[in-house]
């Protein structure tokens, strides 16, 4: 997975400061995208649950 690879590269200590900053920025971009996607999936699951739940009696 791309995030894991970024973490390994950053943790390796083999990157110069400029490359490390680029990798960290890329990591934050990936995290932002994953959070957005997770929010979309959560909303879809909540809607499915609401649509298929029995009404309270």
PDB file of N, CA and C in Angstrom:
ATOM      1  N   UNK A   1       0.845  -1.182   0.000  1.00  0.00           N
ATOM      2  CA  UNK A   1       0.000   0.000   0.000  1.00  0.00           C
ATOM      3  C   UNK A   1       0.885   1.237   0.000  1.00  0.00           C
ATOM      4  N   UNK A   2       0.436   2.241  -0.669  1.00  0.00           N
ATOM      5  CA  UNK A   2       1.247   3.441  -0.876  1.00  0.00           C
ATOM      6  C   UNK A   2       1.589   4.155   0.431  1.00  0.00           C
ATOM      7  N   UNK A   3       0.646   4.229   1.353  1.00  0.00           N
ATOM      8  CA  UNK A   3       0.897   4.908   2.625  1.00  0.00           C
ATOM      9  C   UNK A   3       1.985   4.176   3.405  1.00  0.00           C
ATOM     10  N   UNK A   4       1.903   2.859   3.440  1.00  0.00           N
ATOM     11  CA  UNK A   4       2.906   2.066   4.149  1.00  0.00           C
ATOM     12  C   UNK A   4       4.300   2.284   3.559  1.00  0.00           C
ATOM     13  N   UNK A   5       4.362   2.357   2.246  1.00  0.00           N
ATOM     14  CA  UNK A   5       5.649   2.592   1.584  1.00  0.00           C
ATOM     15  C   UNK A   5       6.207   3.964   1.957  1.00  0.00           C
ATOM     16  N   UNK A   6       5.334   4.961   1.997  1.00  0.00           N
ATOM     17  CA  UNK A   6       5.778   6.304   2.383  1.00  0.00           C
ATOM     18  C   UNK A   6       6.318   6.308   3.806  1.00  0.00           C
ATOM     19  N   UNK A   7       5.606   5.661   4.715  1.00  0.00           N
ATOM     20  CA  UNK A   7       6.040   5.608   6.113  1.00  0.00           C
ATOM     21  C   UNK A   7       7.396   4.920   6.210  1.00  0.00           C
ATOM     22  N   UNK A   8       7.579   3.833   5.485  1.00  0.00           N
ATOM     23  CA  UNK A   8       8.856   3.116   5.510  1.00  0.00           C
ATOM     24  C   UNK A   8       9.984   3.986   4.984  1.00  0.00           C
ATOM     25  N   UNK A   9       9.723   4.701   3.900  1.00  0.00           N
ATOM     26  CA  UNK A   9      10.753   5.578   3.332  1.00  0.00           C
ATOM     27  C   UNK A   9      11.129   6.684   4.308  1.00  0.00           C
ATOM     28  N   UNK A  10      10.120   7.295   4.923  1.00  0.00           N
ATOM     29  CA  UNK A  10      10.380   8.385   5.866  1.00  0.00           C
ATOM     30  C   UNK A  10      11.143   7.859   7.082  1.00  0.00           C
ATOM     31  N   UNK A  11      10.738   6.699   7.578  1.00  0.00           N
ATOM     32  CA  UNK A  11      11.360   6.126   8.773  1.00  0.00           C
ATOM     33  C   UNK A  11      12.763   5.589   8.513  1.00  0.00           C
ATOM     34  N   UNK A  12      13.092   5.345   7.262  1.00  0.00           N
ATOM     35  CA  UNK A  12      14.389   4.739   6.940  1.00  0.00           C
ATOM     36  C   UNK A  12      15.565   5.646   7.280  1.00  0.00           C
ATOM     37  N   UNK A  13      15.325   6.936   7.289  1.00  0.00           N
ATOM     38  CA  UNK A  13      16.416   7.868   7.557  1.00  0.00           C
ATOM     39  C   UNK A  13      17.322   8.087   6.362  1.00  0.00           C
ATOM     40  N   UNK A  14      16.955   7.557   5.211  1.00  0.00           N
ATOM     41  CA  UNK A  14      17.804   7.662   4.012  1.00  0.00           C
ATOM     42  C   UNK A  14      17.427   8.841   3.121  1.00  0.00           C
ATOM     43  N   UNK A  15      16.355   9.542   3.465  1.00  0.00           N
ATOM     44  CA  UNK A  15      15.904  10.665   2.634  1.00  0.00           C
ATOM     45  C   UNK A  15      16.533  11.960   3.119  1.00  0.00           C
ATOM     46  N   UNK A  16      16.851  12.829   2.167  1.00  0.00           N
ATOM     47  CA  UNK A  16      17.276  14.160   2.580  1.00  0.00           C
ATOM     48  C   UNK A  16      16.023  14.951   2.971  1.00  0.00           C
ATOM     49  N   UNK A  17      16.205  16.074   3.568  1.00  0.00           N
ATOM     50  CA  UNK A  17      15.094  16.851   4.123  1.00  0.00           C
ATOM     51  C   UNK A  17      14.061  17.230   3.058  1.00  0.00           C
ATOM     52  N   UNK A  18      14.508  17.647   1.896  1.00  0.00           N
ATOM     53  CA  UNK A  18      13.580  18.045   0.835  1.00  0.00           C
ATOM     54  C   UNK A  18      12.706  16.882   0.387  1.00  0.00           C
ATOM     55  N   UNK A  19      13.324  15.722   0.196  1.00  0.00           N
ATOM     56  CA  UNK A  19      12.555  14.545  -0.209  1.00  0.00           C
ATOM     57  C   UNK A  19      11.610  14.092   0.895  1.00  0.00           C
ATOM     58  N   UNK A  20      12.038  14.231   2.132  1.00  0.00           N
ATOM     59  CA  UNK A  20      11.183  13.848   3.248  1.00  0.00           C
ATOM     60  C   UNK A  20       9.933  14.735   3.284  1.00  0.00           C
ATOM     61  N   UNK A  21      10.108  16.017   3.062  1.00  0.00           N
ATOM     62  CA  UNK A  21       8.968  16.936   3.048  1.00  0.00           C
ATOM     63  C   UNK A  21       7.996  16.560   1.929  1.00  0.00           C
ATOM     64  N   UNK A  22       8.510  16.229   0.770  1.00  0.00           N
ATOM     65  CA  UNK A  22       7.671  15.809  -0.351  1.00  0.00           C
ATOM     66  C   UNK A  22       6.884  14.558   0.024  1.00  0.00           C
ATOM     67  N   UNK A  23       7.538  13.601   0.655  1.00  0.00           N
ATOM     68  CA  UNK A  23       6.877  12.350   1.051  1.00  0.00           C
ATOM     69  C   UNK A  23       5.807  12.609   2.114  1.00  0.00           C
ATOM     70  N   UNK A  24       6.099  13.470   3.060  1.00  0.00           N
ATOM     71  CA  UNK A  24       5.125  13.793   4.108  1.00  0.00           C
ATOM     72  C   UNK A  24       3.906  14.486   3.498  1.00  0.00           C
ATOM     73  N   UNK A  25       4.132  15.413   2.578  1.00  0.00           N
ATOM     74  CA  UNK A  25       3.017  16.083   1.897  1.00  0.00           C
ATOM     75  C   UNK A  25       2.156  15.072   1.148  1.00  0.00           C
ATOM     76  N   UNK A  26       2.790  14.154   0.450  1.00  0.00           N
ATOM     77  CA  UNK A  26       2.068  13.113  -0.285  1.00  0.00           C
ATOM     78  C   UNK A  26       1.255  12.256   0.684  1.00  0.00           C
ATOM     79  N   UNK A  27       1.835  11.934   1.819  1.00  0.00           N
ATOM     80  CA  UNK A  27       1.135  11.156   2.834  1.00  0.00           C
ATOM     81  C   UNK A  27      -0.121  11.863   3.318  1.00  0.00           C
ATOM     82  N   UNK A  28      -0.015  13.146   3.577  1.00  0.00           N
ATOM     83  CA  UNK A  28      -1.185  13.903   4.027  1.00  0.00           C
ATOM     84  C   UNK A  28      -2.252  13.979   2.934  1.00  0.00           C
ATOM     85  N   UNK A  29      -1.837  14.087   1.684  1.00  0.00           N
ATOM     86  CA  UNK A  29      -2.806  14.085   0.576  1.00  0.00           C
ATOM     87  C   UNK A  29      -3.552  12.748   0.514  1.00  0.00           C
ATOM     88  N   UNK A  30      -2.818  11.661   0.686  1.00  0.00           N
ATOM     89  CA  UNK A  30      -3.445  10.342   0.675  1.00  0.00           C
ATOM     90  C   UNK A  30      -4.413  10.177   1.848  1.00  0.00           C
ATOM     91  N   UNK A  31      -4.010  10.630   3.014  1.00  0.00           N
ATOM     92  CA  UNK A  31      -4.875  10.539   4.195  1.00  0.00           C
ATOM     93  C   UNK A  31      -6.144  11.352   3.987  1.00  0.00           C
ATOM     94  N   UNK A  32      -6.006  12.543   3.430  1.00  0.00           N
ATOM     95  CA  UNK A  32      -7.176  13.382   3.168  1.00  0.00           C
ATOM     96  C   UNK A  32      -8.149  12.665   2.228  1.00  0.00           C
ATOM     97  N   UNK A  33      -7.622  12.059   1.182  1.00  0.00           N
ATOM     98  CA  UNK A  33      -8.463  11.324   0.242  1.00  0.00           C
ATOM     99  C   UNK A  33      -9.135  10.126   0.884  1.00  0.00           C
ATOM    100  N   UNK A  34      -8.405   9.424   1.747  1.00  0.00           N
ATOM    101  CA  UNK A  34      -8.985   8.261   2.426  1.00  0.00           C
ATOM    102  C   UNK A  34     -10.083   8.689   3.398  1.00  0.00           C
ATOM    103  N   UNK A  35      -9.878   9.795   4.104  1.00  0.00           N
ATOM    104  CA  UNK A  35     -10.913  10.282   5.028  1.00  0.00           C
ATOM    105  C   UNK A  35     -12.176  10.675   4.271  1.00  0.00           C
ATOM    106  N   UNK A  36     -11.998  11.306   3.125  1.00  0.00           N
ATOM    107  CA  UNK A  36     -13.136  11.702   2.307  1.00  0.00           C
ATOM    108  C   UNK A  36     -13.906  10.473   1.843  1.00  0.00           C
ATOM    109  N   UNK A  37     -13.176   9.495   1.347  1.00  0.00           N
ATOM    110  CA  UNK A  37     -13.811   8.256   0.874  1.00  0.00           C
ATOM    111  C   UNK A  37     -14.502   7.528   2.023  1.00  0.00           C
ATOM    112  N   UNK A  38     -13.873   7.496   3.182  1.00  0.00           N
ATOM    113  CA  UNK A  38     -14.461   6.853   4.349  1.00  0.00           C
ATOM    114  C   UNK A  38     -15.767   7.538   4.738  1.00  0.00           C
ATOM    115  N   UNK A  39     -15.802   8.863   4.673  1.00  0.00           N
ATOM    116  CA  UNK A  39     -17.029   9.602   4.969  1.00  0.00           C
ATOM    117  C   UNK A  39     -18.140   9.251   3.994  1.00  0.00           C
ATOM    118  N   UNK A  40     -17.801   9.123   2.718  1.00  0.00           N
ATOM    119  CA  UNK A  40     -18.794   8.756   1.705  1.00  0.00           C
ATOM    120  C   UNK A  40     -19.353   7.362   1.970  1.00  0.00           C
ATOM    121  N   UNK A  41     -18.471   6.437   2.288  1.00  0.00           N
ATOM    122  CA  UNK A  41     -18.899   5.064   2.551  1.00  0.00           C
ATOM    123  C   UNK A  41     -19.765   5.013   3.812  1.00  0.00           C
ATOM    124  N   UNK A  42     -19.374   5.747   4.824  1.00  0.00           N
ATOM    125  CA  UNK A  42     -20.148   5.790   6.065  1.00  0.00           C
ATOM    126  C   UNK A  42     -21.563   6.290   5.806  1.00  0.00           C
ATOM    127  N   UNK A  43     -21.700   7.346   5.021  1.00  0.00           N
ATOM    128  CA  UNK A  43     -23.022   7.875   4.693  1.00  0.00           C
ATOM    129  C   UNK A  43     -23.851   6.848   3.929  1.00  0.00           C
ATOM    130  N   UNK A  44     -23.227   6.154   3.002  1.00  0.00           N
ATOM    131  CA  UNK A  44     -23.934   5.151   2.224  1.00  0.00           C
ATOM    132  C   UNK A  44     -24.422   4.011   3.122  1.00  0.00           C
ATOM    133  N   UNK A  45     -23.564   3.564   4.033  1.00  0.00           N
ATOM    134  CA  UNK A  45     -23.947   2.491   4.951  1.00  0.00           C
ATOM    135  C   UNK A  45     -25.084   2.952   5.860  1.00  0.00           C
ATOM    136  N   UNK A  46     -24.997   4.172   6.368  1.00  0.00           N
ATOM    137  CA  UNK A  46     -26.059   4.694   7.228  1.00  0.00           C
ATOM    138  C   UNK A  46     -27.377   4.770   6.469  1.00  0.00           C
ATOM    139  N   UNK A  47     -27.340   5.177   5.212  1.00  0.00           N
ATOM    140  CA  UNK A  47     -28.558   5.245   4.408  1.00  0.00           C
ATOM    141  C   UNK A  47     -29.121   3.852   4.174  1.00  0.00           C
ATOM    142  N   UNK A  48     -28.266   2.907   3.836  1.00  0.00           N
ATOM    143  CA  UNK A  48     -28.717   1.539   3.639  1.00  0.00           C
ATOM    144  C   UNK A  48     -29.347   0.984   4.916  1.00  0.00           C
ATOM    145  N   UNK A  49     -28.734   1.260   6.034  1.00  0.00           N
ATOM    146  CA  UNK A  49     -29.255   0.793   7.311  1.00  0.00           C
ATOM    147  C   UNK A  49     -30.627   1.406   7.578  1.00  0.00           C
ATOM    148  N   UNK A  50     -30.751   2.706   7.356  1.00  0.00           N
ATOM    149  CA  UNK A  50     -32.036   3.387   7.569  1.00  0.00           C
ATOM    150  C   UNK A  50     -33.100   2.863   6.625  1.00  0.00           C
ATOM    151  N   UNK A  51     -32.740   2.606   5.382  1.00  0.00           N
ATOM    152  CA  UNK A  51     -33.701   2.124   4.389  1.00  0.00           C
ATOM    153  C   UNK A  51     -34.168   0.706   4.677  1.00  0.00           C
ATOM    154  N   UNK A  52     -33.348  -0.083   5.361  1.00  0.00           N
ATOM    155  CA  UNK A  52     -33.667  -1.485   5.569  1.00  0.00           C
ATOM    156  C   UNK A  52     -33.982  -1.845   7.030  1.00  0.00           C
ATOM    157  N   UNK A  53     -34.018  -0.852   7.875  1.00  0.00           N
ATOM    158  CA  UNK A  53     -34.353  -1.109   9.277  1.00  0.00           C
ATOM    159  C   UNK A  53     -35.856  -1.151   9.436  1.00  0.00           C
ATOM    160  N   UNK A  54     -36.295  -1.992  10.342  1.00  0.00           N
ATOM    161  CA  UNK A  54     -37.716  -2.032  10.643  1.00  0.00           C
ATOM    162  C   UNK A  54     -38.069  -0.823  11.495  1.00  0.00           C
ATOM    163  N   UNK A  55     -39.214  -0.247  11.252  1.00  0.00           N
ATOM    164  CA  UNK A  55     -39.611   0.903  12.070  1.00  0.00           C
ATOM    165  C   UNK A  55     -39.844   0.477  13.515  1.00  0.00           C
ATOM    166  N   UNK A  56     -39.522   1.380  14.428  1.00  0.00           N
ATOM    167  CA  UNK A  56     -39.748   1.090  15.849  1.00  0.00           C
ATOM    168  C   UNK A  56     -41.228   1.048  16.135  1.00  0.00           C
ATOM    169  N   UNK A  57     -41.662   0.066  16.889  1.00  0.00           N
ATOM    170  CA  UNK A  57     -43.090  -0.071  17.220  1.00  0.00           C
ATOM    171  C   UNK A  57     -43.363   0.461  18.597  1.00  0.00           C
TER     172      UNK A  57
END
